[in-house]
Amino acid sequence: MLHERLQFSKFFYDFFPSHKECIPARVAGQPEDIANVIVFLAYRQLSSYIVGQSIVADGGSPLVMGMQAHDMMDILKS
């Protein structure tokens, strides 16, 4: 089961950088992008007014459902 999850995860990591139309920011996220959010939240002089929030760092994916631009069955077959 873990092996299947890793394969599926790798598939999407390979898919999105080559299909930037699925990501409104037009770039695939990097670990540094998440690290920057963590640093910002940890630095209380900048984030002191943020309390009890969910911070989403996903390149704007909820703004546009980029996966709708592709036939999901074709994606899963490749």
PDB file of N, CA and C in Angstrom:
ATOM      1  N   MET A   1       0.827  -1.196   0.000  1.00  0.00           N
ATOM      2  CA  MET A   1       0.000   0.000   0.000  1.00  0.00           C
ATOM      3  C   MET A   1       0.868   1.255   0.000  1.00  0.00           C
ATOM      4  N   LEU A   2       1.916   1.277   0.828  1.00  0.00           N
ATOM      5  CA  LEU A   2       2.813   2.428   0.878  1.00  0.00           C
ATOM      6  C   LEU A   2       3.504   2.630  -0.464  1.00  0.00           C
ATOM      7  N   HIS A   3       3.891   1.527  -1.097  1.00  0.00           N
ATOM      8  CA  HIS A   3       4.545   1.618  -2.402  1.00  0.00           C
ATOM      9  C   HIS A   3       3.617   2.256  -3.437  1.00  0.00           C
ATOM     10  N   GLU A   4       2.329   1.885  -3.417  1.00  0.00           N
ATOM     11  CA  GLU A   4       1.360   2.467  -4.346  1.00  0.00           C
ATOM     12  C   GLU A   4       1.194   3.966  -4.090  1.00  0.00           C
ATOM     13  N   ARG A   5       1.161   4.363  -2.824  1.00  0.00           N
ATOM     14  CA  ARG A   5       1.044   5.788  -2.496  1.00  0.00           C
ATOM     15  C   ARG A   5       2.256   6.562  -2.987  1.00  0.00           C
ATOM     16  N   LEU A   6       3.434   5.984  -2.820  1.00  0.00           N
ATOM     17  CA  LEU A   6       4.647   6.662  -3.283  1.00  0.00           C
ATOM     18  C   LEU A   6       4.653   6.802  -4.793  1.00  0.00           C
ATOM     19  N   GLN A   7       4.196   5.766  -5.503  1.00  0.00           N
ATOM     20  CA  GLN A   7       4.123   5.846  -6.965  1.00  0.00           C
ATOM     21  C   GLN A   7       3.138   6.923  -7.400  1.00  0.00           C
ATOM     22  N   PHE A   8       1.976   6.975  -6.756  1.00  0.00           N
ATOM     23  CA  PHE A   8       0.958   7.971  -7.089  1.00  0.00           C
ATOM     24  C   PHE A   8       1.481   9.375  -6.807  1.00  0.00           C
ATOM     25  N   SER A   9       2.157   9.535  -5.664  1.00  0.00           N
ATOM     26  CA  SER A   9       2.733  10.824  -5.307  1.00  0.00           C
ATOM     27  C   SER A   9       3.773  11.248  -6.331  1.00  0.00           C
ATOM     28  N   LYS A  10       4.647  10.329  -6.736  1.00  0.00           N
ATOM     29  CA  LYS A  10       5.666  10.639  -7.737  1.00  0.00           C
ATOM     30  C   LYS A  10       5.022  11.033  -9.062  1.00  0.00           C
ATOM     31  N   PHE A  11       3.942  10.330  -9.419  1.00  0.00           N
ATOM     32  CA  PHE A  11       3.237  10.653 -10.657  1.00  0.00           C
ATOM     33  C   PHE A  11       2.788  12.111 -10.666  1.00  0.00           C
ATOM     34  N   PHE A  12       2.174  12.562  -9.587  1.00  0.00           N
ATOM     35  CA  PHE A  12       1.686  13.936  -9.547  1.00  0.00           C
ATOM     36  C   PHE A  12       2.828  14.939  -9.462  1.00  0.00           C
ATOM     37  N   TYR A  13       3.913  14.596  -8.766  1.00  0.00           N
ATOM     38  CA  TYR A  13       5.082  15.479  -8.745  1.00  0.00           C
ATOM     39  C   TYR A  13       5.683  15.619 -10.138  1.00  0.00           C
ATOM     40  N   ASP A  14       5.596  14.564 -10.933  1.00  0.00           N
ATOM     41  CA  ASP A  14       6.089  14.631 -12.310  1.00  0.00           C
ATOM     42  C   ASP A  14       5.091  15.331 -13.228  1.00  0.00           C
ATOM     43  N   PHE A  15       3.804  15.161 -12.958  1.00  0.00           N
ATOM     44  CA  PHE A  15       2.760  15.713 -13.823  1.00  0.00           C
ATOM     45  C   PHE A  15       2.685  17.232 -13.766  1.00  0.00           C
ATOM     46  N   PHE A  16       2.605  17.795 -12.583  1.00  0.00           N
ATOM     47  CA  PHE A  16       2.330  19.223 -12.449  1.00  0.00           C
ATOM     48  C   PHE A  16       3.404  20.140 -13.034  1.00  0.00           C
ATOM     49  N   PRO A  17       4.691  19.874 -12.858  1.00  0.00           N
ATOM     50  CA  PRO A  17       5.665  20.783 -13.467  1.00  0.00           C
ATOM     51  C   PRO A  17       5.563  20.851 -14.993  1.00  0.00           C
ATOM     52  N   SER A  18       5.122  19.772 -15.622  1.00  0.00           N
ATOM     53  CA  SER A  18       4.993  19.787 -17.074  1.00  0.00           C
ATOM     54  C   SER A  18       3.611  20.248 -17.538  1.00  0.00           C
ATOM     55  N   HIS A  19       2.712  20.511 -16.616  1.00  0.00           N
ATOM     56  CA  HIS A  19       1.367  20.998 -16.936  1.00  0.00           C
ATOM     57  C   HIS A  19       1.072  22.221 -16.072  1.00  0.00           C
ATOM     58  N   LYS A  20       1.812  23.266 -16.294  1.00  0.00           N
ATOM     59  CA  LYS A  20       1.706  24.468 -15.462  1.00  0.00           C
ATOM     60  C   LYS A  20       0.345  25.154 -15.564  1.00  0.00           C
ATOM     61  N   GLU A  21      -0.430  24.810 -16.585  1.00  0.00           N
ATOM     62  CA  GLU A  21      -1.768  25.405 -16.687  1.00  0.00           C
ATOM     63  C   GLU A  21      -2.674  24.926 -15.551  1.00  0.00           C
ATOM     64  N   CYS A  22      -2.261  23.889 -14.846  1.00  0.00           N
ATOM     65  CA  CYS A  22      -3.032  23.387 -13.703  1.00  0.00           C
ATOM     66  C   CYS A  22      -2.710  24.149 -12.429  1.00  0.00           C
ATOM     67  N   ILE A  23      -1.677  24.986 -12.473  1.00  0.00           N
ATOM     68  CA  ILE A  23      -1.250  25.729 -11.296  1.00  0.00           C
ATOM     69  C   ILE A  23      -1.353  27.212 -11.618  1.00  0.00           C
ATOM     70  N   PRO A  24      -2.280  27.938 -11.011  1.00  0.00           N
ATOM     71  CA  PRO A  24      -2.423  29.361 -11.325  1.00  0.00           C
ATOM     72  C   PRO A  24      -1.142  30.173 -11.161  1.00  0.00           C
ATOM     73  N   ALA A  25      -0.271  29.802 -10.231  1.00  0.00           N
ATOM     74  CA  ALA A  25       0.992  30.528 -10.054  1.00  0.00           C
ATOM     75  C   ALA A  25       1.979  30.220 -11.182  1.00  0.00           C
ATOM     76  N   ARG A  26       1.673  29.193 -11.988  1.00  0.00           N
ATOM     77  CA  ARG A  26       2.481  28.786 -13.153  1.00  0.00           C
ATOM     78  C   ARG A  26       3.863  28.236 -12.803  1.00  0.00           C
ATOM     79  N   VAL A  27       4.086  27.907 -11.548  1.00  0.00           N
ATOM     80  CA  VAL A  27       5.326  27.257 -11.144  1.00  0.00           C
ATOM     81  C   VAL A  27       4.974  26.171 -10.124  1.00  0.00           C
ATOM     82  N   ALA A  28       5.725  25.099 -10.158  1.00  0.00           N
ATOM     83  CA  ALA A  28       5.529  24.037  -9.175  1.00  0.00           C
ATOM     84  C   ALA A  28       6.148  24.479  -7.854  1.00  0.00           C
ATOM     85  N   GLY A  29       5.445  24.196  -6.780  1.00  0.00           N
ATOM     86  CA  GLY A  29       5.944  24.567  -5.459  1.00  0.00           C
ATOM     87  C   GLY A  29       7.191  23.801  -5.074  1.00  0.00           C
ATOM     88  N   GLN A  30       8.002  24.435  -4.290  1.00  0.00           N
ATOM     89  CA  GLN A  30       9.243  23.841  -3.798  1.00  0.00           C
ATOM     90  C   GLN A  30       9.171  23.753  -2.277  1.00  0.00           C
ATOM     91  N   PRO A  31       9.974  22.893  -1.678  1.00  0.00           N
ATOM     92  CA  PRO A  31       9.979  22.815  -0.204  1.00  0.00           C
ATOM     93  C   PRO A  31      10.242  24.170   0.455  1.00  0.00           C
ATOM     94  N   GLU A  32      11.022  25.015  -0.193  1.00  0.00           N
ATOM     95  CA  GLU A  32      11.318  26.338   0.357  1.00  0.00           C
ATOM     96  C   GLU A  32      10.064  27.195   0.487  1.00  0.00           C
ATOM     97  N   ASP A  33       9.091  26.963  -0.389  1.00  0.00           N
ATOM     98  CA  ASP A  33       7.843  27.727  -0.314  1.00  0.00           C
ATOM     99  C   ASP A  33       7.110  27.441   0.991  1.00  0.00           C
ATOM    100  N   ILE A  34       7.084  26.204   1.400  1.00  0.00           N
ATOM    101  CA  ILE A  34       6.448  25.839   2.662  1.00  0.00           C
ATOM    102  C   ILE A  34       7.303  26.322   3.826  1.00  0.00           C
ATOM    103  N   ALA A  35       8.621  26.188   3.695  1.00  0.00           N
ATOM    104  CA  ALA A  35       9.525  26.652   4.756  1.00  0.00           C
ATOM    105  C   ALA A  35       9.353  28.154   4.990  1.00  0.00           C
ATOM    106  N   ASN A  36       9.151  28.923   3.938  1.00  0.00           N
ATOM    107  CA  ASN A  36       8.957  30.370   4.089  1.00  0.00           C
ATOM    108  C   ASN A  36       7.692  30.695   4.873  1.00  0.00           C
ATOM    109  N   VAL A  37       6.642  29.915   4.672  1.00  0.00           N
ATOM    110  CA  VAL A  37       5.408  30.119   5.435  1.00  0.00           C
ATOM    111  C   VAL A  37       5.662  29.822   6.911  1.00  0.00           C
ATOM    112  N   ILE A  38       6.377  28.740   7.168  1.00  0.00           N
ATOM    113  CA  ILE A  38       6.684  28.364   8.555  1.00  0.00           C
ATOM    114  C   ILE A  38       7.514  29.447   9.232  1.00  0.00           C
ATOM    115  N   VAL A  39       8.526  29.956   8.534  1.00  0.00           N
ATOM    116  CA  VAL A  39       9.374  31.012   9.105  1.00  0.00           C
ATOM    117  C   VAL A  39       8.539  32.258   9.379  1.00  0.00           C
ATOM    118  N   PHE A  40       7.680  32.631   8.441  1.00  0.00           N
ATOM    119  CA  PHE A  40       6.825  33.797   8.636  1.00  0.00           C
ATOM    120  C   PHE A  40       5.954  33.645   9.882  1.00  0.00           C
ATOM    121  N   LEU A  41       5.312  32.482  10.011  1.00  0.00           N
ATOM    122  CA  LEU A  41       4.434  32.267  11.163  1.00  0.00           C
ATOM    123  C   LEU A  41       5.209  32.210  12.473  1.00  0.00           C
ATOM    124  N   ALA A  42       6.423  31.692  12.434  1.00  0.00           N
ATOM    125  CA  ALA A  42       7.240  31.599  13.650  1.00  0.00           C
ATOM    126  C   ALA A  42       7.779  32.963  14.079  1.00  0.00           C
ATOM    127  N   TYR A  43       7.914  33.881  13.126  1.00  0.00           N
ATOM    128  CA  TYR A  43       8.436  35.215  13.429  1.00  0.00           C
ATOM    129  C   TYR A  43       7.272  36.086  13.897  1.00  0.00           C
ATOM    130  N   ARG A  44       7.050  36.134  15.197  1.00  0.00           N
ATOM    131  CA  ARG A  44       5.864  36.759  15.767  1.00  0.00           C
ATOM    132  C   ARG A  44       5.778  38.261  15.522  1.00  0.00           C
ATOM    133  N   GLN A  45       6.886  38.937  15.232  1.00  0.00           N
ATOM    134  CA  GLN A  45       6.800  40.371  14.923  1.00  0.00           C
ATOM    135  C   GLN A  45       6.039  40.605  13.628  1.00  0.00           C
ATOM    136  N   LEU A  46       6.084  39.646  12.711  1.00  0.00           N
ATOM    137  CA  LEU A  46       5.357  39.787  11.443  1.00  0.00           C
ATOM    138  C   LEU A  46       3.974  39.136  11.483  1.00  0.00           C
ATOM    139  N   SER A  47       3.848  38.068  12.245  1.00  0.00           N
ATOM    140  CA  SER A  47       2.600  37.300  12.193  1.00  0.00           C
ATOM    141  C   SER A  47       1.782  37.380  13.476  1.00  0.00           C
ATOM    142  N   SER A  48       2.011  38.383  14.288  1.00  0.00           N
ATOM    143  CA  SER A  48       1.361  38.447  15.602  1.00  0.00           C
ATOM    144  C   SER A  48      -0.162  38.563  15.526  1.00  0.00           C
ATOM    145  N   TYR A  49      -0.696  39.070  14.435  1.00  0.00           N
ATOM    146  CA  TYR A  49      -2.139  39.259  14.339  1.00  0.00           C
ATOM    147  C   TYR A  49      -2.837  38.055  13.701  1.00  0.00           C
ATOM    148  N   ILE A  50      -2.069  37.055  13.312  1.00  0.00           N
ATOM    149  CA  ILE A  50      -2.638  35.834  12.738  1.00  0.00           C
ATOM    150  C   ILE A  50      -2.843  34.840  13.872  1.00  0.00           C
ATOM    151  N   VAL A  51      -4.105  34.488  14.109  1.00  0.00           N
ATOM    152  CA  VAL A  51      -4.437  33.578  15.205  1.00  0.00           C
ATOM    153  C   VAL A  51      -5.460  32.564  14.698  1.00  0.00           C
ATOM    154  N   GLY A  52      -5.162  31.284  14.889  1.00  0.00           N
ATOM    155  CA  GLY A  52      -6.129  30.236  14.584  1.00  0.00           C
ATOM    156  C   GLY A  52      -6.544  30.154  13.134  1.00  0.00           C
ATOM    157  N   GLN A  53      -5.617  30.270  12.224  1.00  0.00           N
ATOM    158  CA  GLN A  53      -5.938  30.220  10.801  1.00  0.00           C
ATOM    159  C   GLN A  53      -5.301  29.006  10.137  1.00  0.00           C
ATOM    160  N   SER A  54      -5.902  28.582   9.055  1.00  0.00           N
ATOM    161  CA  SER A  54      -5.292  27.578   8.186  1.00  0.00           C
ATOM    162  C   SER A  54      -4.629  28.339   7.047  1.00  0.00           C
ATOM    163  N   ILE A  55      -3.351  28.153   6.894  1.00  0.00           N
ATOM    164  CA  ILE A  55      -2.610  28.825   5.830  1.00  0.00           C
ATOM    165  C   ILE A  55      -2.416  27.825   4.695  1.00  0.00           C
ATOM    166  N   VAL A  56      -2.864  28.176   3.514  1.00  0.00           N
ATOM    167  CA  VAL A  56      -2.769  27.299   2.362  1.00  0.00           C
ATOM    168  C   VAL A  56      -1.688  27.853   1.427  1.00  0.00           C
ATOM    169  N   ALA A  57      -0.667  27.065   1.199  1.00  0.00           N
ATOM    170  CA  ALA A  57       0.409  27.446   0.273  1.00  0.00           C
ATOM    171  C   ALA A  57       0.393  26.434  -0.863  1.00  0.00           C
ATOM    172  N   ASP A  58      -0.416  26.712  -1.884  1.00  0.00           N
ATOM    173  CA  ASP A  58      -0.597  25.731  -2.957  1.00  0.00           C
ATOM    174  C   ASP A  58      -0.548  26.343  -4.357  1.00  0.00           C
ATOM    175  N   GLY A  59      -0.015  27.535  -4.463  1.00  0.00           N
ATOM    176  CA  GLY A  59       0.100  28.158  -5.781  1.00  0.00           C
ATOM    177  C   GLY A  59      -1.215  28.626  -6.365  1.00  0.00           C
ATOM    178  N   GLY A  60      -2.257  28.648  -5.562  1.00  0.00           N
ATOM    179  CA  GLY A  60      -3.558  29.134  -6.033  1.00  0.00           C
ATOM    180  C   GLY A  60      -4.467  28.063  -6.597  1.00  0.00           C
ATOM    181  N   SER A  61      -4.174  26.801  -6.353  1.00  0.00           N
ATOM    182  CA  SER A  61      -4.970  25.707  -6.919  1.00  0.00           C
ATOM    183  C   SER A  61      -6.473  25.828  -6.665  1.00  0.00           C
ATOM    184  N   PRO A  62      -6.922  26.260  -5.477  1.00  0.00           N
ATOM    185  CA  PRO A  62      -8.373  26.376  -5.286  1.00  0.00           C
ATOM    186  C   PRO A  62      -9.020  27.453  -6.169  1.00  0.00           C
ATOM    187  N   LEU A  63      -8.225  28.393  -6.656  1.00  0.00           N
ATOM    188  CA  LEU A  63      -8.792  29.447  -7.496  1.00  0.00           C
ATOM    189  C   LEU A  63      -9.278  28.907  -8.829  1.00  0.00           C
ATOM    190  N   VAL A  64      -8.556  27.944  -9.355  1.00  0.00           N
ATOM    191  CA  VAL A  64      -8.897  27.347 -10.645  1.00  0.00           C
ATOM    192  C   VAL A  64      -8.674  25.853 -10.503  1.00  0.00           C
ATOM    193  N   MET A  65      -9.678  25.090 -10.812  1.00  0.00           N
ATOM    194  CA  MET A  65      -9.501  23.645 -10.762  1.00  0.00           C
ATOM    195  C   MET A  65      -8.798  23.212 -12.040  1.00  0.00           C
ATOM    196  N   GLY A  66      -7.479  23.315 -12.046  1.00  0.00           N
ATOM    197  CA  GLY A  66      -6.684  23.011 -13.230  1.00  0.00           C
ATOM    198  C   GLY A  66      -6.842  21.594 -13.724  1.00  0.00           C
ATOM    199  N   MET A  67      -7.176  20.683 -12.826  1.00  0.00           N
ATOM    200  CA  MET A  67      -7.337  19.299 -13.259  1.00  0.00           C
ATOM    201  C   MET A  67      -8.507  19.163 -14.222  1.00  0.00           C
ATOM    202  N   GLN A  68      -9.445  20.108 -14.207  1.00  0.00           N
ATOM    203  CA  GLN A  68     -10.563  20.041 -15.133  1.00  0.00           C
ATOM    204  C   GLN A  68     -10.113  20.305 -16.562  1.00  0.00           C
ATOM    205  N   ALA A  69      -8.913  20.851 -16.725  1.00  0.00           N
ATOM    206  CA  ALA A  69      -8.403  21.124 -18.059  1.00  0.00           C
ATOM    207  C   ALA A  69      -7.934  19.845 -18.744  1.00  0.00           C
ATOM    208  N   HIS A  70      -7.920  18.753 -18.017  1.00  0.00           N
ATOM    209  CA  HIS A  70      -7.436  17.483 -18.537  1.00  0.00           C
ATOM    210  C   HIS A  70      -8.459  16.386 -18.253  1.00  0.00           C
ATOM    211  N   ASP A  71      -8.456  15.395 -19.089  1.00  0.00           N
ATOM    212  CA  ASP A  71      -9.289  14.229 -18.843  1.00  0.00           C
ATOM    213  C   ASP A  71      -8.585  13.367 -17.803  1.00  0.00           C
ATOM    214  N   MET A  72      -9.166  13.248 -16.637  1.00  0.00           N
ATOM    215  CA  MET A  72      -8.522  12.546 -15.524  1.00  0.00           C
ATOM    216  C   MET A  72      -8.175  11.113 -15.880  1.00  0.00           C
ATOM    217  N   MET A  73      -8.996  10.441 -16.660  1.00  0.00           N
ATOM    218  CA  MET A  73      -8.695   9.056 -17.028  1.00  0.00           C
ATOM    219  C   MET A  73      -7.434   8.993 -17.890  1.00  0.00           C
ATOM    220  N   ASP A  74      -7.241   9.954 -18.783  1.00  0.00           N
ATOM    221  CA  ASP A  74      -6.013   9.980 -19.586  1.00  0.00           C
ATOM    222  C   ASP A  74      -4.801  10.202 -18.702  1.00  0.00           C
ATOM    223  N   ILE A  75      -4.940  11.033 -17.703  1.00  0.00           N
ATOM    224  CA  ILE A  75      -3.837  11.316 -16.793  1.00  0.00           C
ATOM    225  C   ILE A  75      -3.454  10.055 -16.029  1.00  0.00           C
ATOM    226  N   LEU A  76      -4.439   9.341 -15.522  1.00  0.00           N
ATOM    227  CA  LEU A  76      -4.170   8.154 -14.721  1.00  0.00           C
ATOM    228  C   LEU A  76      -3.624   7.003 -15.556  1.00  0.00           C
ATOM    229  N   LYS A  77      -3.946   6.968 -16.839  1.00  0.00           N
ATOM    230  CA  LYS A  77      -3.436   5.904 -17.706  1.00  0.00           C
ATOM    231  C   LYS A  77      -1.973   6.099 -18.069  1.00  0.00           C
ATOM    232  N   SER A  78      -1.504   7.354 -18.077  1.00  0.00           N
ATOM    233  CA  SER A  78      -0.127   7.604 -18.517  1.00  0.00           C
ATOM    234  C   SER A  78       0.886   7.249 -17.465  1.00  0.00           C
TER     235      SER A  78
END
